[in-house]
Protein backbone atom coordinates (compact mmCIF):
# COMPACT_ATOMS: atom_id res chain seq x y z
CA UNK A 1 6.39 -13.99 -11.61
CA UNK A 2 9.92 -15.30 -12.28
CA UNK A 3 11.53 -17.72 -9.87
CA UNK A 4 14.16 -15.13 -8.99
CA UNK A 5 11.61 -12.45 -8.19
CA UNK A 6 9.45 -14.91 -6.26
CA UNK A 7 12.47 -15.80 -4.14
CA UNK A 8 13.38 -12.14 -3.57
CA UNK A 9 9.83 -11.24 -2.61
CA UNK A 10 9.63 -14.16 -0.18
CA UNK A 11 12.93 -13.08 1.38
CA UNK A 12 11.63 -9.52 1.79
CA UNK A 13 8.36 -10.76 3.26
CA UNK A 14 10.16 -12.92 5.80
CA UNK A 15 12.56 -10.14 6.81
CA UNK A 16 9.75 -7.64 7.30
CA UNK A 17 7.59 -10.09 9.23
CA UNK A 18 10.50 -10.90 11.53
CA UNK A 19 10.96 -7.19 12.12
CA UNK A 20 7.23 -6.71 12.78
CA UNK A 21 7.25 -9.50 15.35
CA UNK A 22 10.22 -7.82 17.00
CA UNK A 23 8.68 -4.34 17.24
CA UNK A 24 5.08 -5.28 18.05
CA UNK A 25 3.98 -6.31 21.56
CA UNK A 26 3.38 -10.04 22.02
CA UNK A 27 0.01 -11.38 20.95
CA UNK A 28 -0.63 -12.58 24.50
CA UNK A 29 -0.28 -9.10 26.00
CA UNK A 30 -3.32 -7.12 27.11
CA UNK A 31 -5.26 -4.94 27.35
CA UNK A 32 -8.15 -7.18 26.36
CA UNK A 33 -7.93 -8.70 22.90
CA UNK A 34 -6.15 -5.69 21.40
CA UNK A 35 -2.87 -7.36 20.51
CA UNK A 36 -4.59 -10.55 19.39
CA UNK A 37 -6.53 -8.43 16.90
CA UNK A 38 -3.33 -6.67 15.78
CA UNK A 39 -1.48 -9.95 15.18
CA UNK A 40 -4.54 -11.52 13.50
CA UNK A 41 -4.68 -8.68 10.97
CA UNK A 42 -0.94 -8.23 10.55
CA UNK A 43 0.10 -11.82 9.94
CA UNK A 44 -2.60 -13.11 7.63
CA UNK A 45 -1.98 -13.77 3.95
CA UNK A 46 -0.17 -10.70 2.64
CA UNK A 47 2.07 -9.72 -0.28
CA UNK A 48 3.97 -6.96 1.64
CA UNK A 49 4.23 -4.84 -1.49
CA UNK A 50 4.79 -1.54 0.36
CA UNK A 51 7.63 -2.86 2.52
CA UNK A 52 9.27 -4.47 -0.50
CA UNK A 53 8.97 -1.19 -2.40
CA UNK A 54 10.69 0.63 0.46
CA UNK A 55 13.52 -1.90 0.77
CA UNK A 56 14.19 -2.06 -2.95
CA UNK A 57 13.98 1.71 -3.43
CA UNK A 58 16.69 2.01 -0.80
CA UNK A 59 18.75 -0.56 -2.70
CA UNK A 60 18.13 1.13 -6.06
CA UNK A 61 19.40 4.40 -4.59
CA UNK A 62 22.64 2.73 -3.48
CA UNK A 63 21.69 2.09 0.16
CA UNK A 64 21.61 -0.99 2.36
CA UNK A 65 18.04 -2.39 2.42
CA UNK A 66 18.67 -3.78 5.92
CA UNK A 67 18.71 -0.18 7.16
CA UNK A 68 15.19 0.27 5.79
CA UNK A 69 13.63 -2.70 7.59
CA UNK A 70 12.02 -0.73 10.42
CA UNK A 71 10.75 1.84 7.94
CA UNK A 72 9.26 -0.99 5.89
CA UNK A 73 7.63 -2.41 9.02
CA UNK A 74 6.15 0.99 9.89
CA UNK A 75 4.71 1.29 6.38
CA UNK A 76 3.05 -2.11 6.72
CA UNK A 77 1.64 -1.14 10.11
CA UNK A 78 0.04 1.92 8.50
CA UNK A 79 -1.26 -0.17 5.61
CA UNK A 80 -2.81 -2.84 7.85
CA UNK A 81 -4.43 -0.19 10.06
CA UNK A 82 -6.04 1.22 6.89
CA UNK A 83 -7.35 -2.21 5.90
CA UNK A 84 -8.87 -2.82 9.33
CA UNK A 85 -10.69 0.52 9.25
CA UNK A 86 -11.61 0.23 5.55
CA UNK A 87 -13.51 -3.00 6.23
CA UNK A 88 -15.69 -1.49 8.97
CA UNK A 89 -19.46 -1.21 8.34
CA UNK A 90 -19.26 2.60 8.31
CA UNK A 91 -16.61 2.48 5.56
CA UNK A 92 -16.45 -0.13 2.77
CA UNK A 93 -18.30 -2.71 4.90
CA UNK A 94 -16.47 -5.91 3.97
CA UNK A 95 -16.63 -9.14 5.96
CA UNK A 96 -13.55 -10.67 4.26
CA UNK A 97 -9.91 -9.65 4.18
CA UNK A 98 -6.99 -11.71 2.92
CA UNK A 99 -9.17 -14.79 2.61
CA UNK A 100 -10.64 -14.85 6.11
CA UNK A 101 -13.04 -12.82 8.31
CA UNK A 102 -12.19 -9.14 8.64
CA UNK A 103 -10.88 -7.95 12.00
CA UNK A 104 -14.25 -6.58 13.14
CA UNK A 105 -15.94 -9.88 12.25
CA UNK A 106 -13.34 -12.02 14.02
CA UNK A 107 -13.40 -9.77 17.11
CA UNK A 108 -15.80 -6.82 17.23
CA UNK A 109 -16.01 -3.29 15.88
CA UNK A 110 -14.57 -1.51 18.90
CA UNK A 111 -11.56 -3.86 19.06
CA UNK A 112 -10.98 -3.41 15.31
CA UNK A 113 -11.08 0.38 15.60
CA UNK A 114 -8.63 0.33 18.50
CA UNK A 115 -6.31 -2.16 16.75
CA UNK A 116 -6.11 0.22 13.78
CA UNK A 117 -5.57 3.21 16.08
CA UNK A 118 -2.74 1.39 17.84
CA UNK A 119 -0.99 0.40 14.61
CA UNK A 120 -1.16 3.95 13.26
CA UNK A 121 0.30 5.39 16.46
CA UNK A 122 2.95 2.75 17.06
CA UNK A 123 4.28 3.04 13.49
CA UNK A 124 5.73 6.46 14.33
CA UNK A 125 7.21 5.15 17.56
CA UNK A 126 9.02 2.47 15.55
CA UNK A 127 10.62 5.16 13.39
CA UNK A 128 11.64 7.31 16.35
CA UNK A 129 13.27 4.35 18.06
CA UNK A 130 14.96 2.77 15.05
CA UNK A 131 16.57 5.94 13.65
CA UNK A 132 17.06 7.91 16.87
CA UNK A 133 20.75 8.51 16.13
CA UNK A 134 19.82 10.84 13.27
CA UNK A 135 17.27 13.49 14.21
CA UNK A 136 17.04 14.98 10.71
CA UNK A 137 16.38 11.55 9.23
CA UNK A 138 13.60 10.86 11.75
CA UNK A 139 12.07 14.25 10.97
CA UNK A 140 12.06 13.55 7.23
CA UNK A 141 10.70 10.01 7.56
CA UNK A 142 7.92 11.09 9.92
CA UNK A 143 6.98 13.92 7.57
CA UNK A 144 6.94 11.65 4.53
CA UNK A 145 4.92 8.95 6.26
CA UNK A 146 2.42 11.41 7.73
CA UNK A 147 1.92 13.06 4.33
CA UNK A 148 1.41 9.69 2.64
CA UNK A 149 -1.05 8.45 5.27
CA UNK A 150 -2.89 11.63 6.24
CA UNK A 151 -5.53 14.04 4.96
CA UNK A 152 -3.56 14.87 1.81
CA UNK A 153 -2.84 11.19 1.17
CA UNK A 154 -4.45 7.89 2.06
CA UNK A 155 -7.07 9.18 4.54
CA UNK A 156 -7.98 12.04 2.23
CA UNK A 157 -8.41 9.57 -0.61
CA UNK A 158 -10.72 7.46 1.53
CA UNK A 159 -12.78 10.57 2.31
CA UNK A 160 -13.02 11.38 -1.40
CA UNK A 161 -14.00 7.79 -2.14
CA UNK A 162 -16.79 7.80 0.45
CA UNK A 163 -18.09 11.19 -0.68
CA UNK A 164 -18.11 10.17 -4.35
CA UNK A 165 -20.39 7.14 -4.01
CA UNK A 166 -23.47 7.85 -6.11
CA UNK A 167 -22.44 11.50 -6.60
CA UNK A 168 -20.87 11.33 -10.06
CA UNK A 169 -23.83 10.76 -12.38
CA UNK A 170 -23.84 14.34 -13.67
CA UNK A 171 -20.13 14.33 -14.54
CA UNK A 172 -18.80 13.94 -18.07
CA UNK A 173 -16.69 10.90 -18.92
CA UNK A 174 -13.53 13.02 -18.73
CA UNK A 175 -14.54 14.46 -15.35
CA UNK A 176 -15.27 10.99 -14.01
CA UNK A 177 -11.84 9.77 -15.06
CA UNK A 178 -10.14 12.73 -13.39
CA UNK A 179 -12.16 12.21 -10.21
CA UNK A 180 -11.28 8.51 -10.15
CA UNK A 181 -7.59 9.17 -10.68
CA UNK A 182 -7.56 11.69 -7.83
CA UNK A 183 -9.18 9.21 -5.44
CA UNK A 184 -6.77 6.43 -6.32
CA UNK A 185 -3.69 8.66 -6.35
CA UNK A 186 -4.46 9.51 -2.73
CA UNK A 187 -6.21 6.45 -1.32
CA UNK A 188 -3.86 3.79 -2.72
CA UNK A 189 -1.07 5.59 -4.53
CA UNK A 190 0.09 7.92 -1.76
CA UNK A 191 1.36 5.18 0.56
CA UNK A 192 3.07 3.37 -2.31
CA UNK A 193 4.71 6.64 -3.34
CA UNK A 194 5.71 7.26 0.27
CA UNK A 195 7.28 3.80 0.42
CA UNK A 196 9.54 4.62 -2.53
CA UNK A 197 10.48 8.04 -1.18
CA UNK A 198 11.26 6.79 2.33
CA UNK A 199 13.50 4.09 0.89
CA UNK A 200 15.35 6.68 -1.15
CA UNK A 201 15.74 8.99 1.83
CA UNK A 202 17.23 6.20 3.92
CA UNK A 203 19.81 5.65 1.18
CA UNK A 204 20.72 9.35 1.13
CA UNK A 205 19.61 9.56 -2.51
CA UNK A 206 20.43 12.60 -4.63
CA UNK A 207 17.69 14.94 -5.80
CA UNK A 208 17.81 13.34 -9.25
CA UNK A 209 17.35 9.82 -7.87
CA UNK A 210 14.60 10.96 -5.51
CA UNK A 211 12.81 12.48 -8.50
CA UNK A 212 13.08 9.21 -10.39
CA UNK A 213 11.77 7.24 -7.41
CA UNK A 214 8.91 9.74 -7.09
CA UNK A 215 7.85 9.22 -10.71
CA UNK A 216 8.18 5.46 -10.33
CA UNK A 217 6.18 5.49 -7.09
CA UNK A 218 3.38 7.62 -8.53
CA UNK A 219 3.06 5.44 -11.61
CA UNK A 220 3.14 2.05 -9.88
CA UNK A 221 0.85 3.40 -7.16
CA UNK A 222 -1.84 4.22 -9.69
CA UNK A 223 -1.14 1.06 -11.71
CA UNK A 224 -1.68 -0.98 -8.54
CA UNK A 225 -5.22 0.38 -8.17
CA UNK A 226 -6.03 0.03 -11.88
CA UNK A 227 -5.06 -3.64 -11.60
CA UNK A 228 -7.11 -3.98 -8.41
CA UNK A 229 -10.12 -2.60 -10.28
CA UNK A 230 -9.58 -5.18 -13.01
CA UNK A 231 -9.27 -8.02 -10.51
CA UNK A 232 -12.36 -6.83 -8.63
CA UNK A 233 -14.53 -7.53 -11.65
CA UNK A 234 -12.74 -10.58 -13.09
CA UNK A 235 -11.73 -12.72 -10.08
CA UNK A 236 -13.86 -14.60 -7.55
CA UNK A 237 -14.06 -13.59 -3.87
CA UNK A 238 -12.24 -16.79 -2.88
CA UNK A 239 -9.33 -15.99 -5.20
CA UNK A 240 -9.31 -12.29 -4.36
CA UNK A 241 -9.37 -12.81 -0.58
CA UNK A 242 -12.12 -10.20 -0.18
CA UNK A 243 -15.57 -9.64 -1.62
CA UNK A 244 -15.32 -9.16 -5.37
CA UNK A 245 -17.60 -6.87 -7.36
CA UNK A 246 -18.22 -4.55 -4.40
CA UNK A 247 -17.09 -1.36 -6.10
CA UNK A 248 -19.60 -1.70 -8.90
CA UNK A 249 -22.34 -2.76 -6.48
CA UNK A 250 -21.69 0.34 -4.35
CA UNK A 251 -21.85 2.62 -7.36
CA UNK A 252 -18.16 3.52 -7.31
CA UNK A 253 -16.21 4.62 -10.33
CA UNK A 254 -13.71 2.05 -11.61
CA UNK A 255 -11.26 1.95 -14.50
CA UNK A 256 -12.95 -1.02 -16.23
CA UNK A 257 -16.28 0.74 -15.79
CA UNK A 258 -14.97 3.90 -17.49
CA UNK A 259 -12.45 2.48 -19.96
CA UNK A 260 -13.58 -1.12 -20.40
CA UNK A 261 -11.35 -4.06 -19.48
CA UNK A 262 -9.07 -3.64 -22.49
CA UNK A 263 -8.75 0.09 -21.85
CA UNK A 264 -7.99 -0.47 -18.17
CA UNK A 265 -5.28 -2.99 -19.00
CA UNK A 266 -3.80 -0.54 -21.50
CA UNK A 267 -3.81 2.16 -18.81
CA UNK A 268 -1.93 -0.14 -16.39
CA UNK A 269 0.61 -1.04 -19.07
CA UNK A 270 1.20 2.63 -19.92
CA UNK A 271 1.78 3.48 -16.26
CA UNK A 272 4.22 0.57 -15.95
CA UNK A 273 6.17 1.80 -18.98
CA UNK A 274 6.42 5.27 -17.45
CA UNK A 275 7.61 3.80 -14.15
CA UNK A 276 10.29 1.68 -15.81
CA UNK A 277 11.48 4.57 -17.94
CA UNK A 278 11.94 6.72 -14.83
CA UNK A 279 14.32 4.26 -13.18
CA UNK A 280 16.11 3.14 -16.35
CA UNK A 281 19.32 5.07 -15.46
CA UNK A 282 19.60 3.39 -12.05
CA UNK A 283 21.16 0.23 -13.47
CA UNK A 284 21.00 -3.28 -12.12
CA UNK A 285 20.48 -2.08 -8.53
CA UNK A 286 16.92 -1.23 -9.57
CA UNK A 287 16.13 -4.66 -11.06
CA UNK A 288 13.97 -5.62 -8.10
CA UNK A 289 11.92 -2.44 -8.58
CA UNK A 290 11.46 -3.31 -12.24
CA UNK A 291 10.25 -6.79 -11.35
CA UNK A 292 7.98 -5.39 -8.65
CA UNK A 293 6.36 -3.02 -11.15
CA UNK A 294 5.71 -5.88 -13.55
CA UNK A 295 4.33 -7.99 -10.70
CA UNK A 296 1.93 -5.23 -9.66
CA UNK A 297 0.50 -4.93 -13.17
CA UNK A 298 0.62 -8.61 -14.21
CA UNK A 299 -0.58 -10.20 -10.97
CA UNK A 300 -3.63 -12.43 -11.21
CA UNK A 301 -4.29 -12.56 -7.48
């Protein structure tokens, strides 16, 4: 990570976190421990990749990234809700998230479920309030976010992931790879793709630029999960911030498991090259996106 990119990412993180604190109810508010659980999960150690992708896609398309702040905050609310629910015993069953106890371990399962429910719901309220002067824009952003997060996106990918555990032994190697790519394109990639598209829409991007952002978003979205798979089997739980090695232990398909570590790294590099090629015509305004793509693939933590 270059010093310039590190500084830009920190600036984006701080801007988004300030916006989140502005749009979320105070931690001290009731009912019960609901908002304590929301703040606990939202403001732990986090890279804020999806918000940064939204802000910098807006910039790459010629827009003002400040205009995309509330959209970026809504994306992070959706992401954190998904992490809270993903960690539950009925899902991936993980006691650690971002280097500390998961929400359901710090509080309890019912509070964690409700904290996730609240974040999902309130994310759409943030959009409606922030962009209320433009009804068509609100419509498009809500549609994009719902598609990225719903049954044909992140939630659908989670369903595929849960259904696939231990159910792929009879598949050929090629079929396993296709099944894995479908899971990751939905479970992880859809919200990253949605982040790029929402940023472009806020900038009023042309159809050509939206197409380039779509290709970039799809490629870095999948590259993100390939890299996660690599980290899951090469980095300790303390470094990773969550339990490492869980995918293999649960019998899930992974890119290193199917392609080997070298093959998985090659896959991530190929996806990065495709992403960078897509945004090559966007000039220096897309430099932050280029650096973000490299960060996603090259990150060690």
